[in-house]
Protein backbone atom coordinates (compact mmCIF):
# COMPACT_ATOMS: atom_id res chain seq x y z
CA MET A 1 0.00 0.00 0.00
CA LYS A 2 1.23 3.49 -0.78
CA LEU A 3 0.08 7.06 -0.13
CA ALA A 4 0.51 10.44 -1.78
CA ALA A 5 -1.22 13.78 -1.19
CA LYS A 6 -1.22 17.43 -2.12
CA THR A 7 -3.20 20.45 -0.94
CA ASP A 8 -3.24 24.02 -2.26
CA ILE A 9 -5.03 27.19 -1.20
CA GLY A 10 -5.98 27.97 -4.81
CA TYR A 11 -6.34 31.43 -6.29
CA GLY A 12 -9.74 32.45 -4.90
CA ARG A 13 -9.44 31.95 -1.13
CA LEU A 14 -7.67 33.78 1.68
CA GLU A 15 -6.91 30.56 3.59
CA ASN A 16 -6.90 26.83 3.03
CA GLN A 17 -9.90 25.32 4.84
CA ASP A 18 -9.14 21.80 3.58
CA ASN A 19 -7.44 19.21 5.80
CA TYR A 20 -6.30 15.67 5.18
CA ARG A 21 -4.84 12.82 7.19
CA ALA A 22 -3.55 9.36 6.24
CA ALA A 23 -1.51 6.54 7.75
CA ARG A 24 -0.30 3.02 7.08
CA LEU A 25 -0.25 0.47 9.90
CA PRO A 26 2.38 -2.27 10.32
CA ASP A 27 -0.07 -4.89 8.97
CA ASP A 28 -0.42 -2.78 5.76
CA THR A 29 -3.85 -1.46 6.71
CA VAL A 30 -4.15 2.03 5.26
CA TRP A 31 -6.62 4.80 5.97
CA GLY A 32 -7.02 8.29 4.57
CA LEU A 33 -9.51 11.14 4.74
CA ILE A 34 -10.18 14.63 3.44
CA CYS A 35 -12.19 17.39 5.12
CA ASP A 36 -13.38 20.59 3.42
CA GLY A 37 -14.44 23.21 5.96
CA MET A 38 -17.33 25.64 5.69
CA GLY A 39 -18.08 28.75 7.69
CA GLY A 40 -17.11 32.41 7.84
CA ALA A 41 -13.92 33.90 9.26
CA ASN A 42 -11.70 31.04 10.49
CA SER A 43 -14.58 28.72 11.36
CA GLY A 44 -14.35 26.49 8.30
CA LYS A 45 -10.66 25.95 8.85
CA LEU A 46 -11.27 25.15 12.52
CA ALA A 47 -14.07 22.70 11.69
CA SER A 48 -11.97 20.74 9.21
CA GLN A 49 -9.00 20.71 11.61
CA LEU A 50 -11.15 19.42 14.47
CA ALA A 51 -12.67 16.71 12.29
CA ALA A 52 -9.34 15.54 10.89
CA GLN A 53 -7.67 15.56 14.29
CA THR A 54 -10.52 13.74 16.04
CA LEU A 55 -10.72 11.08 13.33
CA GLU A 56 -6.95 10.58 13.35
CA GLU A 57 -6.95 10.07 17.12
CA TYR A 58 -9.88 7.66 16.91
CA PHE A 59 -8.12 5.59 14.25
CA ASP A 60 -4.82 5.61 16.14
CA GLN A 61 -6.54 4.32 19.27
CA GLY A 62 -8.87 1.75 17.76
CA LEU A 63 -7.72 0.40 14.42
CA ALA A 64 -5.02 -1.94 15.68
CA ASP A 65 -7.59 -3.98 17.63
CA LEU A 66 -10.47 -3.70 15.15
CA ALA A 67 -12.04 -7.10 14.53
CA PRO A 68 -13.01 -8.13 10.98
CA GLY A 69 -16.64 -7.31 10.26
CA GLN A 70 -16.68 -4.25 12.51
CA GLU A 71 -15.26 -1.77 10.01
CA ILE A 72 -18.47 0.05 9.06
CA GLU A 73 -19.62 0.51 12.65
CA PHE A 74 -16.14 1.68 13.62
CA LEU A 75 -16.18 4.32 10.87
CA ARG A 76 -19.66 5.54 11.82
CA GLN A 77 -18.62 5.93 15.44
CA ALA A 78 -15.47 7.77 14.38
CA VAL A 79 -17.46 10.28 12.33
CA GLN A 80 -19.93 10.81 15.17
CA GLN A 81 -17.02 11.62 17.49
CA ALA A 82 -15.75 14.18 15.00
CA ASN A 83 -19.22 15.64 14.55
CA GLN A 84 -19.63 16.00 18.31
CA ALA A 85 -16.25 17.73 18.68
CA ILE A 86 -17.17 20.38 16.12
CA TYR A 87 -20.73 20.86 17.36
CA GLU A 88 -19.60 21.30 20.97
CA GLU A 89 -16.90 23.80 19.98
CA ALA A 90 -19.44 25.83 18.00
CA SER A 91 -21.86 25.72 20.95
CA ARG A 92 -19.19 27.14 23.29
CA HIS A 93 -18.11 29.95 20.97
CA ARG A 94 -20.78 32.07 19.31
CA GLU A 95 -18.42 33.27 16.59
CA HIS A 96 -18.19 29.69 15.29
CA ALA A 97 -21.93 28.98 15.28
CA GLY A 98 -22.97 26.95 12.25
CA MET A 99 -19.48 25.90 11.24
CA GLY A 100 -19.08 22.51 9.65
CA THR A 101 -17.03 20.38 7.30
CA THR A 102 -17.39 17.68 4.72
CA VAL A 103 -15.52 14.42 5.12
CA ALA A 104 -14.62 11.65 2.71
CA GLY A 105 -12.42 8.75 3.67
CA ALA A 106 -11.40 5.17 3.14
CA LEU A 107 -10.06 2.29 5.20
CA VAL A 108 -8.24 -0.36 3.16
CA ARG A 109 -7.01 -3.76 4.25
CA GLY A 110 -7.03 -7.34 3.04
CA GLY A 111 -8.13 -6.54 -0.50
CA HIS A 112 -11.14 -4.55 0.65
CA ALA A 113 -11.99 -0.86 1.06
CA TRP A 114 -14.60 0.62 3.39
CA LEU A 115 -15.72 4.15 2.58
CA PHE A 116 -17.39 6.90 4.60
CA HIS A 117 -18.48 10.40 3.68
CA ALA A 118 -20.74 13.35 4.38
CA GLY A 119 -20.99 16.32 2.04
CA ASP A 120 -19.56 16.71 -1.45
CA SER A 121 -15.95 15.61 -1.01
CA ARG A 122 -15.50 12.44 -3.03
CA VAL A 123 -13.85 9.04 -3.31
CA TYR A 124 -13.08 7.60 -6.74
CA LEU A 125 -11.75 4.21 -7.80
CA PHE A 126 -9.20 4.20 -10.63
CA ARG A 127 -8.67 0.81 -12.23
CA ALA A 128 -7.10 -0.19 -15.56
CA GLY A 129 -7.37 3.27 -17.07
CA GLN A 130 -10.97 3.90 -15.96
CA ILE A 131 -12.24 6.01 -13.07
CA ARG A 132 -15.51 5.63 -11.19
CA GLN A 133 -17.02 7.82 -8.47
CA LEU A 134 -17.78 5.66 -5.42
CA THR A 135 -19.47 8.30 -3.26
CA ARG A 136 -22.68 10.24 -3.86
CA ASP A 137 -22.60 13.98 -3.26
CA HIS A 138 -24.81 15.23 -0.45
CA SER A 139 -25.75 18.42 -2.25
CA MET A 140 -28.79 20.30 -3.46
CA VAL A 141 -27.73 19.88 -7.07
CA GLN A 142 -27.29 16.11 -6.68
CA GLU A 143 -30.82 15.88 -5.31
CA LEU A 144 -32.09 17.79 -8.38
CA VAL A 145 -30.31 15.30 -10.62
CA GLU A 146 -31.74 12.31 -8.76
CA ASN A 147 -35.24 13.82 -8.94
CA GLY A 148 -34.90 14.33 -12.69
CA ALA A 149 -35.15 18.12 -12.44
CA ILE A 150 -31.79 18.68 -14.16
CA THR A 151 -29.27 16.56 -16.03
CA ALA A 152 -25.78 15.64 -14.84
CA GLN A 153 -24.42 17.98 -17.52
CA GLN A 154 -26.51 20.86 -16.17
CA ALA A 155 -25.40 20.04 -12.64
CA ALA A 156 -21.76 20.62 -13.56
CA THR A 157 -22.37 24.34 -14.09
CA HIS A 158 -25.35 24.92 -11.79
CA PRO A 159 -25.05 28.25 -9.89
CA ARG A 160 -25.95 26.58 -6.56
CA LYS A 161 -23.56 23.68 -6.96
CA ASN A 162 -21.75 24.56 -3.73
CA ILE A 163 -24.78 24.10 -1.43
CA ILE A 164 -24.38 20.87 0.51
CA THR A 165 -27.13 19.05 2.40
CA ARG A 166 -25.01 17.18 4.92
CA ALA A 167 -21.94 18.15 6.95
CA LEU A 168 -20.17 17.39 10.21
CA GLY A 169 -20.77 19.74 13.13
CA VAL A 170 -23.94 21.49 12.04
CA ASN A 171 -26.27 19.30 14.13
CA PRO A 172 -25.79 17.18 17.27
CA THR A 173 -25.60 14.05 15.11
CA VAL A 174 -24.80 13.38 11.46
CA GLU A 175 -25.85 10.59 9.14
CA THR A 176 -22.73 9.02 7.70
CA GLU A 177 -23.02 7.36 4.31
CA THR A 178 -20.83 4.27 4.05
CA GLY A 179 -19.91 1.79 1.37
CA GLU A 180 -17.42 -0.90 0.53
CA CYS A 181 -15.74 -2.48 -2.46
CA ALA A 182 -13.05 -4.99 -3.34
CA VAL A 183 -9.68 -3.61 -4.40
CA ARG A 184 -6.82 -5.29 -6.21
CA PRO A 185 -3.18 -4.54 -7.01
CA GLY A 186 -2.88 -1.60 -9.36
CA ASP A 187 -6.03 0.13 -8.12
CA VAL A 188 -5.88 3.69 -6.85
CA LEU A 189 -8.42 5.30 -4.55
CA LEU A 190 -8.58 9.05 -5.21
CA LEU A 191 -10.01 11.18 -2.41
CA CYS A 192 -10.58 14.86 -3.16
CA SER A 193 -12.32 18.05 -2.18
CA ASP A 194 -14.59 19.75 -4.69
CA GLY A 195 -11.73 22.08 -5.56
CA LEU A 196 -10.55 19.24 -7.78
CA SER A 197 -13.80 17.55 -8.85
CA ASN A 198 -15.53 20.77 -9.93
CA PRO A 199 -12.99 22.04 -12.47
CA VAL A 200 -11.35 18.76 -13.52
CA SER A 201 -13.35 16.13 -15.41
CA ASP A 202 -13.33 12.43 -14.56
CA ARG A 203 -11.75 11.77 -17.96
CA THR A 204 -8.88 14.13 -17.22
CA MET A 205 -8.35 12.57 -13.79
CA ALA A 206 -8.18 9.11 -15.38
CA ARG A 207 -5.72 10.28 -18.03
CA ILE A 208 -3.41 11.79 -15.40
CA LEU A 209 -3.52 8.67 -13.24
CA THR A 210 -2.75 6.57 -16.32
CA GLU A 211 0.14 8.66 -17.60
CA VAL A 212 1.78 10.09 -14.46
CA PRO A 213 3.77 8.05 -11.91
CA PHE A 214 1.88 7.49 -8.65
CA TYR A 215 3.98 9.76 -6.44
CA GLU A 216 3.75 12.64 -8.91
CA ALA A 217 0.04 12.32 -9.74
CA ALA A 218 -1.36 14.32 -6.82
CA ASP A 219 0.81 17.30 -7.75
CA VAL A 220 -0.26 17.09 -11.39
CA LEU A 221 -3.95 16.81 -10.48
CA VAL A 222 -3.76 19.92 -8.29
CA ALA A 223 -1.86 21.76 -11.03
CA LYS A 224 -4.62 20.87 -13.48
CA ALA A 225 -7.26 22.33 -11.13
CA LEU A 226 -5.19 25.52 -10.84
CA GLU A 227 -4.88 25.63 -14.63
CA HIS A 228 -8.69 25.61 -14.82
CA GLY A 229 -8.99 28.62 -12.52
CA GLY A 230 -8.34 27.18 -9.06
CA GLN A 231 -11.02 29.28 -7.39
CA ASP A 232 -11.36 26.92 -4.39
CA ASN A 233 -9.01 25.09 -2.03
CA ILE A 234 -7.80 21.92 -3.71
CA THR A 235 -6.87 18.69 -1.93
CA VAL A 236 -6.01 15.29 -3.39
CA LEU A 237 -5.14 12.11 -1.49
CA LEU A 238 -4.18 8.92 -3.34
CA ILE A 239 -4.15 5.40 -1.90
CA GLY A 240 -2.36 2.91 -4.13
CA VAL A 241 -3.00 -0.81 -3.78
CA GLU A 242 0.07 -3.00 -4.17
CA PRO A 243 0.54 -6.78 -4.08
CA ALA A 244 0.68 -8.17 -0.56
CA ALA A 245 4.24 -8.64 0.67
CA ALA A 246 5.47 -12.23 0.81
CA PRO A 247 5.84 -13.54 4.37
CA ALA A 248 9.37 -13.59 5.74
CA PRO A 249 11.04 -17.04 5.61
């Protein structure tokens, strides 16, 4: 398993309100996550920092002893802890009222990936030159698409594309959407904030992941978003699946 990441403030923001965390355990379990904060002043940055920090601590404390079959419940509990940390901080400090953050993450081990997300940060699977979005945006525009009110093509340029319908920290609890899929050597999980997925097409992402070496691809993806205007914070986290190491003799 291998990891690579890149974040950039972009051209249109005064601060970077994105955060990411990732780690690889001795047994080759890997986890990674991205948070994209929302809120005025410094609140969005604080929300994403609190979420990323709380999730990292939860994983550090619990993953080593996590029994097979408990992954989804573990991830839901982790997200609830992060949600509570943000909500309580906002309740104590009026200037942070209403702050929140998206989250999108993955836990990978034993040829399997478990996904969790809330908001419009995304997880993609890149395999054999093709890319597929694994998460479903929690956004007003996505709901319009699912209801048949607009097409996916219209959604790409909709003026209210940035309005999300789910986020950590806004309410006392949050509904975490989860999923899972098999992974195999050569696969790449791409986690990103909407600073990448809005300006850069799936086709372009797939081309970059096909043509660019793994440890350079995150930089090139961010550069492509900047080339297309870079009006938002941009964060990319890549998890590469490699063949399992042979046991020591």
